[in-house]
Amino acid sequence: MSDQRDPSGMAAFSICEALLLALQDRKLLPEGEILGILRDAAATHENAQGPETERKLHMETAKLINEIIVGGNLSQRT
């Protein structure tokens, strides 16, 4: 996201990423399901409605999630 100075947002992001990695490492969720969760989250933000400023934030959020899918730790770990 463009404003990565939001400590609560970055904390939530880091915690969620760590949880997804732990679920994968412990083989509680396969990589395909984790990627599905991320794709669903991105789609939710991509399809969000509202004022232009709000939609812009949603699109930035979707972009960040899609970057995790393409080049993030989850796709590189086995």
C-alpha atoms as a PDB file:
ATOM      1  CA  MET A   1       0.000   0.000   0.000  1.00  0.00           C
ATOM      2  CA  SER A   2       1.150   3.508  -0.559  1.00  0.00           C
ATOM      3  CA  ASP A   3       0.963   4.442   3.133  1.00  0.00           C
ATOM      4  CA  GLN A   4       2.888   1.727   4.923  1.00  0.00           C
ATOM      5  CA  ARG A   5       3.379   3.978   7.936  1.00  0.00           C
ATOM      6  CA  ASP A   6       0.162   2.740   9.562  1.00  0.00           C
ATOM      7  CA  PRO A   7       1.500   0.617  12.426  1.00  0.00           C
ATOM      8  CA  SER A   8      -1.759  -1.207  13.110  1.00  0.00           C
ATOM      9  CA  GLY A   9      -2.219  -2.100   9.435  1.00  0.00           C
ATOM     10  CA  MET A  10       1.351  -3.302   9.055  1.00  0.00           C
ATOM     11  CA  ALA A  11       1.087  -5.310  12.285  1.00  0.00           C
ATOM     12  CA  ALA A  12      -2.096  -6.979  11.058  1.00  0.00           C
ATOM     13  CA  PHE A  13      -0.487  -7.678   7.692  1.00  0.00           C
ATOM     14  CA  SER A  14       2.591  -9.262   9.301  1.00  0.00           C
ATOM     15  CA  ILE A  15       0.531 -11.366  11.694  1.00  0.00           C
ATOM     16  CA  CYS A  16      -1.711 -12.669   8.907  1.00  0.00           C
ATOM     17  CA  GLU A  17       1.247 -13.499   6.694  1.00  0.00           C
ATOM     18  CA  ALA A  18       2.944 -15.333   9.562  1.00  0.00           C
ATOM     19  CA  LEU A  19      -0.244 -17.286  10.296  1.00  0.00           C
ATOM     20  CA  LEU A  20      -0.620 -18.352   6.667  1.00  0.00           C
ATOM     21  CA  LEU A  21       3.014 -19.441   6.556  1.00  0.00           C
ATOM     22  CA  ALA A  22       2.602 -21.403   9.793  1.00  0.00           C
ATOM     23  CA  LEU A  23      -0.513 -23.129   8.456  1.00  0.00           C
ATOM     24  CA  GLN A  24       1.414 -24.116   5.349  1.00  0.00           C
ATOM     25  CA  ASP A  25       4.552 -25.204   7.251  1.00  0.00           C
ATOM     26  CA  ARG A  26       2.494 -27.433   9.536  1.00  0.00           C
ATOM     27  CA  LYS A  27       0.611 -28.817   6.547  1.00  0.00           C
ATOM     28  CA  LEU A  28      -2.725 -27.710   7.997  1.00  0.00           C
ATOM     29  CA  LEU A  29      -3.633 -25.971   4.733  1.00  0.00           C
ATOM     30  CA  PRO A  30      -2.121 -26.809   1.364  1.00  0.00           C
ATOM     31  CA  GLU A  31      -0.561 -24.029  -0.684  1.00  0.00           C
ATOM     32  CA  GLY A  32      -3.474 -24.079  -3.137  1.00  0.00           C
ATOM     33  CA  GLU A  33      -5.983 -23.280  -0.411  1.00  0.00           C
ATOM     34  CA  ILE A  34      -3.811 -20.515   1.008  1.00  0.00           C
ATOM     35  CA  LEU A  35      -3.458 -18.992  -2.447  1.00  0.00           C
ATOM     36  CA  GLY A  36      -7.243 -19.274  -2.811  1.00  0.00           C
ATOM     37  CA  ILE A  37      -7.692 -17.311   0.416  1.00  0.00           C
ATOM     38  CA  LEU A  38      -5.379 -14.601  -0.893  1.00  0.00           C
ATOM     39  CA  ARG A  39      -7.123 -14.509  -4.293  1.00  0.00           C
ATOM     40  CA  ASP A  40     -10.512 -14.188  -2.598  1.00  0.00           C
ATOM     41  CA  ALA A  41      -9.213 -11.347  -0.431  1.00  0.00           C
ATOM     42  CA  ALA A  42      -7.782  -9.553  -3.465  1.00  0.00           C
ATOM     43  CA  ALA A  43     -11.033  -9.999  -5.405  1.00  0.00           C
ATOM     44  CA  THR A  44     -13.034  -8.556  -2.517  1.00  0.00           C
ATOM     45  CA  HIS A  45     -10.953  -5.391  -2.637  1.00  0.00           C
ATOM     46  CA  GLU A  46     -10.929  -5.245  -6.443  1.00  0.00           C
ATOM     47  CA  ASN A  47     -14.735  -5.351  -6.487  1.00  0.00           C
ATOM     48  CA  ALA A  48     -15.285  -2.890  -3.637  1.00  0.00           C
ATOM     49  CA  GLN A  49     -17.664  -0.020  -4.262  1.00  0.00           C
ATOM     50  CA  GLY A  50     -17.751   3.434  -2.789  1.00  0.00           C
ATOM     51  CA  PRO A  51     -16.271   6.876  -3.224  1.00  0.00           C
ATOM     52  CA  GLU A  52     -13.207   7.202  -5.466  1.00  0.00           C
ATOM     53  CA  THR A  53     -10.808   7.704  -2.545  1.00  0.00           C
ATOM     54  CA  GLU A  54     -12.097   4.564  -0.842  1.00  0.00           C
ATOM     55  CA  ARG A  55     -11.908   2.510  -4.053  1.00  0.00           C
ATOM     56  CA  LYS A  56      -8.331   3.691  -4.559  1.00  0.00           C
ATOM     57  CA  LEU A  57      -7.373   2.305  -1.142  1.00  0.00           C
ATOM     58  CA  HIS A  58      -9.096  -0.976  -1.988  1.00  0.00           C
ATOM     59  CA  MET A  59      -7.194  -1.211  -5.272  1.00  0.00           C
ATOM     60  CA  GLU A  60      -3.887  -0.564  -3.494  1.00  0.00           C
ATOM     61  CA  THR A  61      -4.773  -3.287  -1.003  1.00  0.00           C
ATOM     62  CA  ALA A  62      -5.628  -5.706  -3.819  1.00  0.00           C
ATOM     63  CA  LYS A  63      -2.325  -4.863  -5.508  1.00  0.00           C
ATOM     64  CA  LEU A  64      -0.408  -5.682  -2.346  1.00  0.00           C
ATOM     65  CA  ILE A  65      -2.203  -9.015  -1.953  1.00  0.00           C
ATOM     66  CA  ASN A  66      -1.562  -9.879  -5.607  1.00  0.00           C
ATOM     67  CA  GLU A  67       2.125  -9.066  -5.156  1.00  0.00           C
ATOM     68  CA  ILE A  68       2.244 -11.572  -2.301  1.00  0.00           C
ATOM     69  CA  ILE A  69       0.661 -14.196  -4.562  1.00  0.00           C
ATOM     70  CA  VAL A  70       3.102 -13.577  -7.410  1.00  0.00           C
ATOM     71  CA  GLY A  71       6.362 -13.038  -5.569  1.00  0.00           C
ATOM     72  CA  GLY A  72       5.718 -13.584  -1.917  1.00  0.00           C
ATOM     73  CA  ASN A  73       7.006 -16.199   0.462  1.00  0.00           C
ATOM     74  CA  LEU A  74       4.015 -18.473   0.031  1.00  0.00           C
ATOM     75  CA  SER A  75       4.715 -19.226  -3.616  1.00  0.00           C
ATOM     76  CA  GLN A  76       8.429 -19.790  -2.939  1.00  0.00           C
ATOM     77  CA  ARG A  77       8.146 -22.136   0.036  1.00  0.00           C
ATOM     78  CA  THR A  78       7.495 -25.864  -0.084  1.00  0.00           C
END
